[in-house]
């Protein structure tokens, strides 16, 4: 039990905060829906409830993935966060289906909802809270990628650094971005329905919110399916190879393989050396390479293989600047 609490402390902070905020928002929206019968509010209630459950599972998965390797699982539990995220998107998928279905039914039989100011007020509060969580996720992206920002520059820079963040943080960012946009769509639909006879606007907004949720499902599923299978990181491979080739005693880099498991990197390096080297010299090179590569962010283990130099240079250094995230110690 003590180990569990220690791991939970290492869980993704953005995910647990987003889960709590979205739970509060879903309760507020749900109560408002019971009074107003507004289908856009129903869509947003399911949206926030699905996000809350999703982000809670993400927090648990990100915490359990920190568990130390065991004899049965020598590579650790890094991929666990990817597996949890694959399960979590199913929740959002079910919620998005219900959202689209209710929107369609409302378009067929549009009805005017009541308590206009209540609906608008609840959605305004939820958008403010969702925006707060979204900004927190943006800051977390910049922190995890080692990007220095000043002022509100993180607001737009986070979109460019999104792919380099941890899986859990990426999910929170996507879900809260969609939640904020969805809340605004619902507010617009309620205003249109109230001030015009076009009551089907709420149903259209519900379907649009459901489609946005499905887009998140698709994106998260594809990202984490690759991670669960053991995705190679080509940028990291190039970066490691470019560093290794500069080391004294290394004639060439034959191959570099970097497998990403959750937030961790497993590195295998095959290098060519002078066949006249002694075992002691080879051992010194291996220790030096392991030490330097393990200093890289996210690297948990390194394997170094030697081969004799064939006199042909095969490793090609990158001509483009590599991502700064791999230069952070």
C-alpha atoms as a PDB file:
ATOM      1  CA  UNK A   1       0.000   0.000   0.000  1.00  0.00           C
ATOM      2  CA  UNK A   2       2.880   2.363   0.798  1.00  0.00           C
ATOM      3  CA  UNK A   3       4.374   1.712  -2.660  1.00  0.00           C
ATOM      4  CA  UNK A   4       1.012   2.543  -4.253  1.00  0.00           C
ATOM      5  CA  UNK A   5       0.838   5.933  -2.519  1.00  0.00           C
ATOM      6  CA  UNK A   6       4.413   6.707  -3.571  1.00  0.00           C
ATOM      7  CA  UNK A   7       3.546   5.925  -7.202  1.00  0.00           C
ATOM      8  CA  UNK A   8       0.340   7.992  -7.051  1.00  0.00           C
ATOM      9  CA  UNK A   9       2.413  11.007  -6.013  1.00  0.00           C
ATOM     10  CA  UNK A  10       4.309  10.616  -9.300  1.00  0.00           C
ATOM     11  CA  UNK A  11       1.112  10.535 -11.378  1.00  0.00           C
ATOM     12  CA  UNK A  12       0.398  13.195 -13.986  1.00  0.00           C
ATOM     13  CA  UNK A  13      -0.710  16.313 -12.065  1.00  0.00           C
ATOM     14  CA  UNK A  14      -2.518  17.852 -15.030  1.00  0.00           C
ATOM     15  CA  UNK A  15      -4.638  14.710 -15.407  1.00  0.00           C
ATOM     16  CA  UNK A  16      -5.852  14.530 -11.800  1.00  0.00           C
ATOM     17  CA  UNK A  17      -6.570  18.261 -11.668  1.00  0.00           C
ATOM     18  CA  UNK A  18      -8.499  18.046 -14.944  1.00  0.00           C
ATOM     19  CA  UNK A  19     -10.433  15.014 -13.656  1.00  0.00           C
ATOM     20  CA  UNK A  20     -11.561  16.878 -10.533  1.00  0.00           C
ATOM     21  CA  UNK A  21     -12.486  20.059 -12.414  1.00  0.00           C
ATOM     22  CA  UNK A  22     -14.415  18.127 -15.067  1.00  0.00           C
ATOM     23  CA  UNK A  23     -16.284  16.130 -12.417  1.00  0.00           C
ATOM     24  CA  UNK A  24     -17.440  19.367 -10.773  1.00  0.00           C
ATOM     25  CA  UNK A  25     -18.386  20.803 -14.172  1.00  0.00           C
ATOM     26  CA  UNK A  26     -20.345  17.673 -15.158  1.00  0.00           C
ATOM     27  CA  UNK A  27     -22.367  17.817 -11.928  1.00  0.00           C
ATOM     28  CA  UNK A  28     -23.208  21.490 -12.486  1.00  0.00           C
ATOM     29  CA  UNK A  29     -24.171  20.857 -16.111  1.00  0.00           C
ATOM     30  CA  UNK A  30     -26.182  17.774 -15.192  1.00  0.00           C
ATOM     31  CA  UNK A  31     -28.247  19.628 -12.601  1.00  0.00           C
ATOM     32  CA  UNK A  32     -28.820  22.466 -15.065  1.00  0.00           C
ATOM     33  CA  UNK A  33     -29.918  19.974 -17.744  1.00  0.00           C
ATOM     34  CA  UNK A  34     -32.521  18.456 -15.412  1.00  0.00           C
ATOM     35  CA  UNK A  35     -34.069  21.911 -14.959  1.00  0.00           C
ATOM     36  CA  UNK A  36     -33.793  23.178 -18.536  1.00  0.00           C
ATOM     37  CA  UNK A  37     -34.054  20.078 -20.729  1.00  0.00           C
ATOM     38  CA  UNK A  38     -31.476  21.699 -23.005  1.00  0.00           C
ATOM     39  CA  UNK A  39     -29.951  19.090 -25.339  1.00  0.00           C
ATOM     40  CA  UNK A  40     -26.745  21.122 -25.757  1.00  0.00           C
ATOM     41  CA  UNK A  41     -26.325  20.995 -21.986  1.00  0.00           C
ATOM     42  CA  UNK A  42     -26.941  17.234 -22.102  1.00  0.00           C
ATOM     43  CA  UNK A  43     -24.151  16.890 -24.656  1.00  0.00           C
ATOM     44  CA  UNK A  44     -21.806  18.965 -22.532  1.00  0.00           C
ATOM     45  CA  UNK A  45     -22.740  16.987 -19.391  1.00  0.00           C
ATOM     46  CA  UNK A  46     -21.757  13.700 -21.032  1.00  0.00           C
ATOM     47  CA  UNK A  47     -18.673  15.357 -22.495  1.00  0.00           C
ATOM     48  CA  UNK A  48     -17.418  16.585 -19.118  1.00  0.00           C
ATOM     49  CA  UNK A  49     -18.333  13.318 -17.362  1.00  0.00           C
ATOM     50  CA  UNK A  50     -16.478  11.297 -19.985  1.00  0.00           C
ATOM     51  CA  UNK A  51     -13.451  13.583 -19.749  1.00  0.00           C
ATOM     52  CA  UNK A  52     -13.422  13.298 -15.965  1.00  0.00           C
ATOM     53  CA  UNK A  53     -13.479   9.480 -15.975  1.00  0.00           C
ATOM     54  CA  UNK A  54     -10.952   9.418 -18.789  1.00  0.00           C
ATOM     55  CA  UNK A  55      -8.495  11.734 -17.067  1.00  0.00           C
ATOM     56  CA  UNK A  56      -8.824   9.886 -13.769  1.00  0.00           C
ATOM     57  CA  UNK A  57      -7.811   6.620 -15.455  1.00  0.00           C
ATOM     58  CA  UNK A  58      -4.982   8.473 -17.164  1.00  0.00           C
ATOM     59  CA  UNK A  59      -3.713   9.664 -13.781  1.00  0.00           C
ATOM     60  CA  UNK A  60      -3.811   6.112 -12.400  1.00  0.00           C
ATOM     61  CA  UNK A  61      -2.073   4.737 -15.492  1.00  0.00           C
ATOM     62  CA  UNK A  62       0.655   7.384 -15.452  1.00  0.00           C
ATOM     63  CA  UNK A  63       1.300   6.629 -11.768  1.00  0.00           C
ATOM     64  CA  UNK A  64       1.404   2.830 -12.112  1.00  0.00           C
ATOM     65  CA  UNK A  65       3.720   3.111 -15.122  1.00  0.00           C
ATOM     66  CA  UNK A  66       6.393   4.384 -12.704  1.00  0.00           C
ATOM     67  CA  UNK A  67       6.555   0.981 -10.995  1.00  0.00           C
ATOM     68  CA  UNK A  68      10.087  -0.409 -10.961  1.00  0.00           C
ATOM     69  CA  UNK A  69      10.956  -3.352 -13.272  1.00  0.00           C
ATOM     70  CA  UNK A  70      10.444  -6.851 -11.878  1.00  0.00           C
ATOM     71  CA  UNK A  71      11.754 -10.293 -12.812  1.00  0.00           C
ATOM     72  CA  UNK A  72       8.585 -10.984 -14.774  1.00  0.00           C
ATOM     73  CA  UNK A  73       8.573  -7.537 -16.436  1.00  0.00           C
ATOM     74  CA  UNK A  74      12.266  -6.607 -16.808  1.00  0.00           C
ATOM     75  CA  UNK A  75      11.550  -3.658 -19.129  1.00  0.00           C
ATOM     76  CA  UNK A  76       9.336  -1.984 -16.558  1.00  0.00           C
ATOM     77  CA  UNK A  77       5.739  -0.786 -16.886  1.00  0.00           C
ATOM     78  CA  UNK A  78       6.189   2.225 -19.156  1.00  0.00           C
ATOM     79  CA  UNK A  79       3.690   0.937 -21.727  1.00  0.00           C
ATOM     80  CA  UNK A  80       0.976   0.677 -19.082  1.00  0.00           C
ATOM     81  CA  UNK A  81       0.060   4.322 -19.582  1.00  0.00           C
ATOM     82  CA  UNK A  82      -0.521   3.619 -23.294  1.00  0.00           C
ATOM     83  CA  UNK A  83      -2.739   0.632 -22.499  1.00  0.00           C
ATOM     84  CA  UNK A  84      -4.775   2.646 -19.987  1.00  0.00           C
ATOM     85  CA  UNK A  85      -5.224   5.441 -22.508  1.00  0.00           C
ATOM     86  CA  UNK A  86      -6.455   2.943 -25.099  1.00  0.00           C
ATOM     87  CA  UNK A  87      -9.101   1.801 -22.619  1.00  0.00           C
ATOM     88  CA  UNK A  88      -9.916   5.348 -21.583  1.00  0.00           C
ATOM     89  CA  UNK A  89     -10.766   6.502 -25.111  1.00  0.00           C
ATOM     90  CA  UNK A  90     -13.529   3.885 -25.214  1.00  0.00           C
ATOM     91  CA  UNK A  91     -15.348   5.932 -22.571  1.00  0.00           C
ATOM     92  CA  UNK A  92     -15.127   9.053 -24.705  1.00  0.00           C
ATOM     93  CA  UNK A  93     -16.241   7.042 -27.729  1.00  0.00           C
ATOM     94  CA  UNK A  94     -19.407   5.869 -25.956  1.00  0.00           C
ATOM     95  CA  UNK A  95     -20.143   9.393 -24.718  1.00  0.00           C
ATOM     96  CA  UNK A  96     -19.649  10.836 -28.201  1.00  0.00           C
ATOM     97  CA  UNK A  97     -22.124   8.313 -29.648  1.00  0.00           C
ATOM     98  CA  UNK A  98     -24.766   9.285 -27.084  1.00  0.00           C
ATOM     99  CA  UNK A  99     -24.100  12.964 -27.768  1.00  0.00           C
ATOM    100  CA  UNK A 100     -24.544  12.581 -31.527  1.00  0.00           C
ATOM    101  CA  UNK A 101     -27.662  10.430 -31.076  1.00  0.00           C
ATOM    102  CA  UNK A 102     -29.381  12.954 -28.795  1.00  0.00           C
ATOM    103  CA  UNK A 103     -28.455  15.772 -31.163  1.00  0.00           C
ATOM    104  CA  UNK A 104     -29.982  13.899 -34.100  1.00  0.00           C
ATOM    105  CA  UNK A 105     -33.205  13.222 -32.174  1.00  0.00           C
ATOM    106  CA  UNK A 106     -33.451  16.907 -31.255  1.00  0.00           C
ATOM    107  CA  UNK A 107     -33.046  17.954 -34.898  1.00  0.00           C
ATOM    108  CA  UNK A 108     -35.894  15.629 -35.901  1.00  0.00           C
ATOM    109  CA  UNK A 109     -38.163  16.917 -33.111  1.00  0.00           C
ATOM    110  CA  UNK A 110     -36.787  20.313 -32.053  1.00  0.00           C
ATOM    111  CA  UNK A 111     -38.201  21.761 -28.838  1.00  0.00           C
ATOM    112  CA  UNK A 112     -37.572  25.075 -27.127  1.00  0.00           C
ATOM    113  CA  UNK A 113     -35.656  24.730 -23.876  1.00  0.00           C
ATOM    114  CA  UNK A 114     -36.300  26.854 -20.811  1.00  0.00           C
ATOM    115  CA  UNK A 115     -34.169  28.774 -18.274  1.00  0.00           C
ATOM    116  CA  UNK A 116     -32.105  30.549 -20.919  1.00  0.00           C
ATOM    117  CA  UNK A 117     -29.938  32.528 -18.468  1.00  0.00           C
ATOM    118  CA  UNK A 118     -29.305  29.456 -16.306  1.00  0.00           C
ATOM    119  CA  UNK A 119     -28.085  27.427 -19.300  1.00  0.00           C
ATOM    120  CA  UNK A 120     -25.918  30.263 -20.561  1.00  0.00           C
ATOM    121  CA  UNK A 121     -24.499  30.990 -17.116  1.00  0.00           C
ATOM    122  CA  UNK A 122     -23.611  27.348 -16.417  1.00  0.00           C
ATOM    123  CA  UNK A 123     -21.868  27.002 -19.768  1.00  0.00           C
ATOM    124  CA  UNK A 124     -19.974  30.261 -19.259  1.00  0.00           C
ATOM    125  CA  UNK A 125     -18.672  29.061 -15.882  1.00  0.00           C
ATOM    126  CA  UNK A 126     -17.691  25.687 -17.373  1.00  0.00           C
ATOM    127  CA  UNK A 127     -15.838  27.344 -20.265  1.00  0.00           C
ATOM    128  CA  UNK A 128     -13.888  29.488 -17.795  1.00  0.00           C
ATOM    129  CA  UNK A 129     -12.934  26.421 -15.734  1.00  0.00           C
ATOM    130  CA  UNK A 130     -12.063  24.383 -18.831  1.00  0.00           C
ATOM    131  CA  UNK A 131      -9.904  27.244 -20.097  1.00  0.00           C
ATOM    132  CA  UNK A 132      -8.061  27.274 -16.757  1.00  0.00           C
ATOM    133  CA  UNK A 133      -7.292  23.540 -17.072  1.00  0.00           C
ATOM    134  CA  UNK A 134      -6.312  23.981 -20.730  1.00  0.00           C
ATOM    135  CA  UNK A 135      -3.834  26.727 -19.842  1.00  0.00           C
ATOM    136  CA  UNK A 136      -2.410  24.483 -17.116  1.00  0.00           C
ATOM    137  CA  UNK A 137      -1.953  21.690 -19.686  1.00  0.00           C
ATOM    138  CA  UNK A 138      -0.239  24.162 -22.053  1.00  0.00           C
ATOM    139  CA  UNK A 139       2.213  25.153 -19.337  1.00  0.00           C
ATOM    140  CA  UNK A 140       2.824  21.464 -18.566  1.00  0.00           C
ATOM    141  CA  UNK A 141       3.645  20.811 -22.233  1.00  0.00           C
ATOM    142  CA  UNK A 142       6.227  23.592 -22.220  1.00  0.00           C
ATOM    143  CA  UNK A 143       7.701  22.325 -18.941  1.00  0.00           C
ATOM    144  CA  UNK A 144       7.975  18.714 -20.152  1.00  0.00           C
ATOM    145  CA  UNK A 145       9.629  19.738 -23.424  1.00  0.00           C
ATOM    146  CA  UNK A 146      12.099  22.044 -21.694  1.00  0.00           C
ATOM    147  CA  UNK A 147      10.949  25.101 -23.636  1.00  0.00           C
ATOM    148  CA  UNK A 148      11.606  28.445 -21.974  1.00  0.00           C
ATOM    149  CA  UNK A 149       8.679  30.860 -22.365  1.00  0.00           C
ATOM    150  CA  UNK A 150       7.886  34.367 -21.223  1.00  0.00           C
ATOM    151  CA  UNK A 151       4.497  35.997 -20.816  1.00  0.00           C
ATOM    152  CA  UNK A 152       1.683  34.193 -22.600  1.00  0.00           C
ATOM    153  CA  UNK A 153       3.857  32.870 -25.416  1.00  0.00           C
ATOM    154  CA  UNK A 154       3.185  29.328 -24.121  1.00  0.00           C
ATOM    155  CA  UNK A 155      -0.399  29.776 -25.373  1.00  0.00           C
ATOM    156  CA  UNK A 156       0.612  29.350 -29.010  1.00  0.00           C
ATOM    157  CA  UNK A 157       3.981  27.618 -28.598  1.00  0.00           C
ATOM    158  CA  UNK A 158       2.335  24.663 -26.841  1.00  0.00           C
ATOM    159  CA  UNK A 159       0.614  23.665 -30.094  1.00  0.00           C
ATOM    160  CA  UNK A 160       3.995  23.243 -31.772  1.00  0.00           C
ATOM    161  CA  UNK A 161       5.439  21.273 -28.827  1.00  0.00           C
ATOM    162  CA  UNK A 162       2.339  19.120 -28.308  1.00  0.00           C
ATOM    163  CA  UNK A 163       3.817  15.967 -29.894  1.00  0.00           C
ATOM    164  CA  UNK A 164       6.865  16.037 -27.595  1.00  0.00           C
ATOM    165  CA  UNK A 165       4.858  16.027 -24.343  1.00  0.00           C
ATOM    166  CA  UNK A 166       4.013  12.955 -22.276  1.00  0.00           C
ATOM    167  CA  UNK A 167       1.022  10.852 -23.448  1.00  0.00           C
ATOM    168  CA  UNK A 168      -1.094  11.774 -20.423  1.00  0.00           C
ATOM    169  CA  UNK A 169      -0.453  15.495 -20.857  1.00  0.00           C
ATOM    170  CA  UNK A 170      -1.284  15.294 -24.562  1.00  0.00           C
ATOM    171  CA  UNK A 171      -4.628  13.677 -23.752  1.00  0.00           C
ATOM    172  CA  UNK A 172      -5.534  16.327 -21.162  1.00  0.00           C
ATOM    173  CA  UNK A 173      -4.577  19.066 -23.638  1.00  0.00           C
ATOM    174  CA  UNK A 174      -6.699  17.598 -26.448  1.00  0.00           C
ATOM    175  CA  UNK A 175      -9.726  16.883 -24.279  1.00  0.00           C
ATOM    176  CA  UNK A 176      -9.800  20.297 -22.654  1.00  0.00           C
ATOM    177  CA  UNK A 177      -9.215  22.047 -25.967  1.00  0.00           C
ATOM    178  CA  UNK A 178     -12.261  20.240 -27.370  1.00  0.00           C
ATOM    179  CA  UNK A 179     -14.216  20.857 -24.144  1.00  0.00           C
ATOM    180  CA  UNK A 180     -13.559  24.601 -24.331  1.00  0.00           C
ATOM    181  CA  UNK A 181     -14.554  24.759 -28.011  1.00  0.00           C
ATOM    182  CA  UNK A 182     -17.584  22.555 -27.298  1.00  0.00           C
ATOM    183  CA  UNK A 183     -18.740  24.849 -24.516  1.00  0.00           C
ATOM    184  CA  UNK A 184     -18.546  27.856 -26.824  1.00  0.00           C
ATOM    185  CA  UNK A 185     -20.505  25.996 -29.525  1.00  0.00           C
ATOM    186  CA  UNK A 186     -23.200  25.100 -27.005  1.00  0.00           C
ATOM    187  CA  UNK A 187     -23.469  28.733 -25.864  1.00  0.00           C
ATOM    188  CA  UNK A 188     -23.857  29.951 -29.449  1.00  0.00           C
ATOM    189  CA  UNK A 189     -26.526  27.314 -30.130  1.00  0.00           C
ATOM    190  CA  UNK A 190     -28.512  28.281 -27.024  1.00  0.00           C
ATOM    191  CA  UNK A 191     -28.465  31.956 -27.994  1.00  0.00           C
ATOM    192  CA  UNK A 192     -29.624  31.135 -31.539  1.00  0.00           C
ATOM    193  CA  UNK A 193     -32.389  28.870 -30.250  1.00  0.00           C
ATOM    194  CA  UNK A 194     -33.591  31.477 -27.753  1.00  0.00           C
ATOM    195  CA  UNK A 195     -33.690  34.473 -30.072  1.00  0.00           C
ATOM    196  CA  UNK A 196     -34.946  32.680 -33.184  1.00  0.00           C
ATOM    197  CA  UNK A 197     -37.351  29.858 -34.077  1.00  0.00           C
ATOM    198  CA  UNK A 198     -34.393  27.714 -35.171  1.00  0.00           C
ATOM    199  CA  UNK A 199     -34.476  25.387 -32.128  1.00  0.00           C
ATOM    200  CA  UNK A 200     -32.645  22.649 -34.043  1.00  0.00           C
ATOM    201  CA  UNK A 201     -29.444  24.672 -33.469  1.00  0.00           C
ATOM    202  CA  UNK A 202     -28.987  22.928 -30.118  1.00  0.00           C
ATOM    203  CA  UNK A 203     -29.149  19.529 -31.818  1.00  0.00           C
ATOM    204  CA  UNK A 204     -26.630  20.605 -34.456  1.00  0.00           C
ATOM    205  CA  UNK A 205     -24.286  21.841 -31.715  1.00  0.00           C
ATOM    206  CA  UNK A 206     -24.668  18.504 -29.913  1.00  0.00           C
ATOM    207  CA  UNK A 207     -23.665  16.593 -33.061  1.00  0.00           C
ATOM    208  CA  UNK A 208     -20.689  18.917 -33.635  1.00  0.00           C
ATOM    209  CA  UNK A 209     -19.533  18.370 -30.046  1.00  0.00           C
ATOM    210  CA  UNK A 210     -19.870  14.597 -30.521  1.00  0.00           C
ATOM    211  CA  UNK A 211     -17.812  14.727 -33.725  1.00  0.00           C
ATOM    212  CA  UNK A 212     -15.074  16.700 -31.952  1.00  0.00           C
ATOM    213  CA  UNK A 213     -15.025  14.035 -29.236  1.00  0.00           C
ATOM    214  CA  UNK A 214     -14.675  11.314 -31.883  1.00  0.00           C
ATOM    215  CA  UNK A 215     -11.721  13.185 -33.385  1.00  0.00           C
ATOM    216  CA  UNK A 216     -10.007  13.080 -29.987  1.00  0.00           C
ATOM    217  CA  UNK A 217     -10.781   9.350 -29.745  1.00  0.00           C
ATOM    218  CA  UNK A 218      -9.173   8.717 -33.134  1.00  0.00           C
ATOM    219  CA  UNK A 219      -6.070  10.791 -32.431  1.00  0.00           C
ATOM    220  CA  UNK A 220      -5.450   9.351 -28.957  1.00  0.00           C
ATOM    221  CA  UNK A 221      -6.093   5.796 -30.141  1.00  0.00           C
ATOM    222  CA  UNK A 222      -3.567   6.016 -32.987  1.00  0.00           C
ATOM    223  CA  UNK A 223      -0.906   7.641 -30.785  1.00  0.00           C
ATOM    224  CA  UNK A 224      -1.204   5.109 -27.975  1.00  0.00           C
ATOM    225  CA  UNK A 225      -1.648   2.026 -30.159  1.00  0.00           C
ATOM    226  CA  UNK A 226       1.820   2.786 -31.518  1.00  0.00           C
ATOM    227  CA  UNK A 227       3.142   3.333 -27.993  1.00  0.00           C
ATOM    228  CA  UNK A 228       1.641   0.094 -26.685  1.00  0.00           C
ATOM    229  CA  UNK A 229       3.308  -1.873 -29.501  1.00  0.00           C
ATOM    230  CA  UNK A 230       6.682  -0.259 -28.795  1.00  0.00           C
ATOM    231  CA  UNK A 231       7.190   2.735 -31.061  1.00  0.00           C
ATOM    232  CA  UNK A 232      10.625   3.652 -32.395  1.00  0.00           C
ATOM    233  CA  UNK A 233      11.611   7.304 -31.965  1.00  0.00           C
ATOM    234  CA  UNK A 234      13.512   8.262 -35.113  1.00  0.00           C
ATOM    235  CA  UNK A 235      14.430  11.764 -33.922  1.00  0.00           C
ATOM    236  CA  UNK A 236      15.903  10.368 -30.711  1.00  0.00           C
ATOM    237  CA  UNK A 237      17.783   7.706 -32.695  1.00  0.00           C
ATOM    238  CA  UNK A 238      19.381  10.366 -34.893  1.00  0.00           C
ATOM    239  CA  UNK A 239      20.220  12.507 -31.873  1.00  0.00           C
ATOM    240  CA  UNK A 240      21.869   9.624 -29.979  1.00  0.00           C
ATOM    241  CA  UNK A 241      23.802   8.532 -33.064  1.00  0.00           C
ATOM    242  CA  UNK A 242      25.081  12.063 -33.685  1.00  0.00           C
ATOM    243  CA  UNK A 243      26.372  12.222 -30.095  1.00  0.00           C
ATOM    244  CA  UNK A 244      27.958   8.757 -30.138  1.00  0.00           C
ATOM    245  CA  UNK A 245      29.855   9.344 -33.395  1.00  0.00           C
ATOM    246  CA  UNK A 246      31.722  12.223 -31.721  1.00  0.00           C
ATOM    247  CA  UNK A 247      33.067  10.013 -28.920  1.00  0.00           C
ATOM    248  CA  UNK A 248      36.762   9.177 -28.859  1.00  0.00           C
ATOM    249  CA  UNK A 249      37.465   5.661 -30.130  1.00  0.00           C
ATOM    250  CA  UNK A 250      34.265   5.360 -32.154  1.00  0.00           C
ATOM    251  CA  UNK A 251      35.004   4.877 -35.861  1.00  0.00           C
ATOM    252  CA  UNK A 252      31.391   4.589 -36.997  1.00  0.00           C
ATOM    253  CA  UNK A 253      27.842   4.064 -35.733  1.00  0.00           C
ATOM    254  CA  UNK A 254      26.330   0.999 -37.336  1.00  0.00           C
ATOM    255  CA  UNK A 255      22.817   1.320 -35.895  1.00  0.00           C
ATOM    256  CA  UNK A 256      20.773   3.002 -33.152  1.00  0.00           C
ATOM    257  CA  UNK A 257      17.409   1.724 -31.948  1.00  0.00           C
ATOM    258  CA  UNK A 258      15.313   3.735 -29.485  1.00  0.00           C
ATOM    259  CA  UNK A 259      12.074   2.139 -28.311  1.00  0.00           C
ATOM    260  CA  UNK A 260       9.617   4.366 -26.480  1.00  0.00           C
ATOM    261  CA  UNK A 261       7.554   2.711 -23.747  1.00  0.00           C
ATOM    262  CA  UNK A 262       5.197   5.216 -22.164  1.00  0.00           C
ATOM    263  CA  UNK A 263       7.464   8.020 -20.999  1.00  0.00           C
ATOM    264  CA  UNK A 264      10.650   5.902 -21.049  1.00  0.00           C
ATOM    265  CA  UNK A 265      13.283   5.271 -23.737  1.00  0.00           C
ATOM    266  CA  UNK A 266      15.189   2.000 -24.189  1.00  0.00           C
ATOM    267  CA  UNK A 267      18.331   2.520 -26.259  1.00  0.00           C
ATOM    268  CA  UNK A 268      20.437   0.011 -28.212  1.00  0.00           C
ATOM    269  CA  UNK A 269      23.601   1.247 -29.924  1.00  0.00           C
ATOM    270  CA  UNK A 270      25.830  -0.707 -32.301  1.00  0.00           C
ATOM    271  CA  UNK A 271      29.211   0.936 -32.965  1.00  0.00           C
ATOM    272  CA  UNK A 272      32.328   0.126 -34.973  1.00  0.00           C
ATOM    273  CA  UNK A 273      35.771   0.388 -33.354  1.00  0.00           C
ATOM    274  CA  UNK A 274      39.409  -0.271 -34.168  1.00  0.00           C
ATOM    275  CA  UNK A 275      39.883  -4.088 -34.083  1.00  0.00           C
ATOM    276  CA  UNK A 276      43.229  -3.547 -32.364  1.00  0.00           C
ATOM    277  CA  UNK A 277      41.610  -2.217 -29.173  1.00  0.00           C
ATOM    278  CA  UNK A 278      42.096  -4.094 -25.938  1.00  0.00           C
ATOM    279  CA  UNK A 279      39.170  -5.429 -23.875  1.00  0.00           C
ATOM    280  CA  UNK A 280      39.903  -2.819 -21.212  1.00  0.00           C
ATOM    281  CA  UNK A 281      39.699   0.021 -23.755  1.00  0.00           C
ATOM    282  CA  UNK A 282      36.409  -1.361 -25.122  1.00  0.00           C
ATOM    283  CA  UNK A 283      35.035  -1.609 -21.607  1.00  0.00           C
ATOM    284  CA  UNK A 284      35.961   2.033 -20.917  1.00  0.00           C
ATOM    285  CA  UNK A 285      34.184   3.143 -24.099  1.00  0.00           C
ATOM    286  CA  UNK A 286      31.069   1.134 -23.177  1.00  0.00           C
ATOM    287  CA  UNK A 287      30.935   2.643 -19.683  1.00  0.00           C
ATOM    288  CA  UNK A 288      31.433   6.149 -21.052  1.00  0.00           C
ATOM    289  CA  UNK A 289      28.690   5.756 -23.683  1.00  0.00           C
ATOM    290  CA  UNK A 290      26.221   4.298 -21.211  1.00  0.00           C
ATOM    291  CA  UNK A 291      26.866   7.089 -18.725  1.00  0.00           C
ATOM    292  CA  UNK A 292      26.349   9.864 -21.276  1.00  0.00           C
ATOM    293  CA  UNK A 293      23.261   8.342 -22.914  1.00  0.00           C
ATOM    294  CA  UNK A 294      21.610   7.662 -19.551  1.00  0.00           C
ATOM    295  CA  UNK A 295      21.847  11.388 -18.810  1.00  0.00           C
ATOM    296  CA  UNK A 296      19.365  12.055 -21.613  1.00  0.00           C
ATOM    297  CA  UNK A 297      15.826  12.811 -20.545  1.00  0.00           C
ATOM    298  CA  UNK A 298      13.654   9.683 -20.323  1.00  0.00           C
ATOM    299  CA  UNK A 299      16.401   7.113 -21.048  1.00  0.00           C
ATOM    300  CA  UNK A 300      16.164   4.211 -18.577  1.00  0.00           C
ATOM    301  CA  UNK A 301      18.547   1.620 -20.024  1.00  0.00           C
ATOM    302  CA  UNK A 302      21.289   1.361 -22.661  1.00  0.00           C
ATOM    303  CA  UNK A 303      22.795  -1.593 -24.511  1.00  0.00           C
ATOM    304  CA  UNK A 304      26.085  -1.105 -26.413  1.00  0.00           C
ATOM    305  CA  UNK A 305      27.348  -3.602 -28.993  1.00  0.00           C
ATOM    306  CA  UNK A 306      30.764  -3.529 -30.693  1.00  0.00           C
ATOM    307  CA  UNK A 307      31.830  -4.523 -34.187  1.00  0.00           C
ATOM    308  CA  UNK A 308      35.145  -4.072 -35.959  1.00  0.00           C
ATOM    309  CA  UNK A 309      35.543  -1.113 -38.270  1.00  0.00           C
ATOM    310  CA  UNK A 310      34.987  -2.042 -41.920  1.00  0.00           C
ATOM    311  CA  UNK A 311      36.492   1.213 -43.186  1.00  0.00           C
ATOM    312  CA  UNK A 312      33.200   2.390 -44.695  1.00  0.00           C
ATOM    313  CA  UNK A 313      31.438   5.317 -43.014  1.00  0.00           C
ATOM    314  CA  UNK A 314      27.708   4.515 -42.817  1.00  0.00           C
ATOM    315  CA  UNK A 315      26.340   6.936 -40.217  1.00  0.00           C
ATOM    316  CA  UNK A 316      25.015  10.196 -41.668  1.00  0.00           C
ATOM    317  CA  UNK A 317      24.741  13.129 -39.293  1.00  0.00           C
ATOM    318  CA  UNK A 318      21.553  15.135 -39.380  1.00  0.00           C
ATOM    319  CA  UNK A 319      21.693  18.359 -41.381  1.00  0.00           C
ATOM    320  CA  UNK A 320      18.662  19.748 -39.525  1.00  0.00           C
ATOM    321  CA  UNK A 321      18.442  20.972 -35.919  1.00  0.00           C
ATOM    322  CA  UNK A 322      17.000  18.288 -33.665  1.00  0.00           C
ATOM    323  CA  UNK A 323      14.295  18.823 -31.100  1.00  0.00           C
ATOM    324  CA  UNK A 324      15.427  20.659 -27.994  1.00  0.00           C
ATOM    325  CA  UNK A 325      13.609  18.201 -25.759  1.00  0.00           C
ATOM    326  CA  UNK A 326      16.441  15.693 -26.311  1.00  0.00           C
ATOM    327  CA  UNK A 327      19.053  18.239 -25.354  1.00  0.00           C
ATOM    328  CA  UNK A 328      17.523  18.721 -21.905  1.00  0.00           C
ATOM    329  CA  UNK A 329      19.261  16.892 -19.083  1.00  0.00           C
END
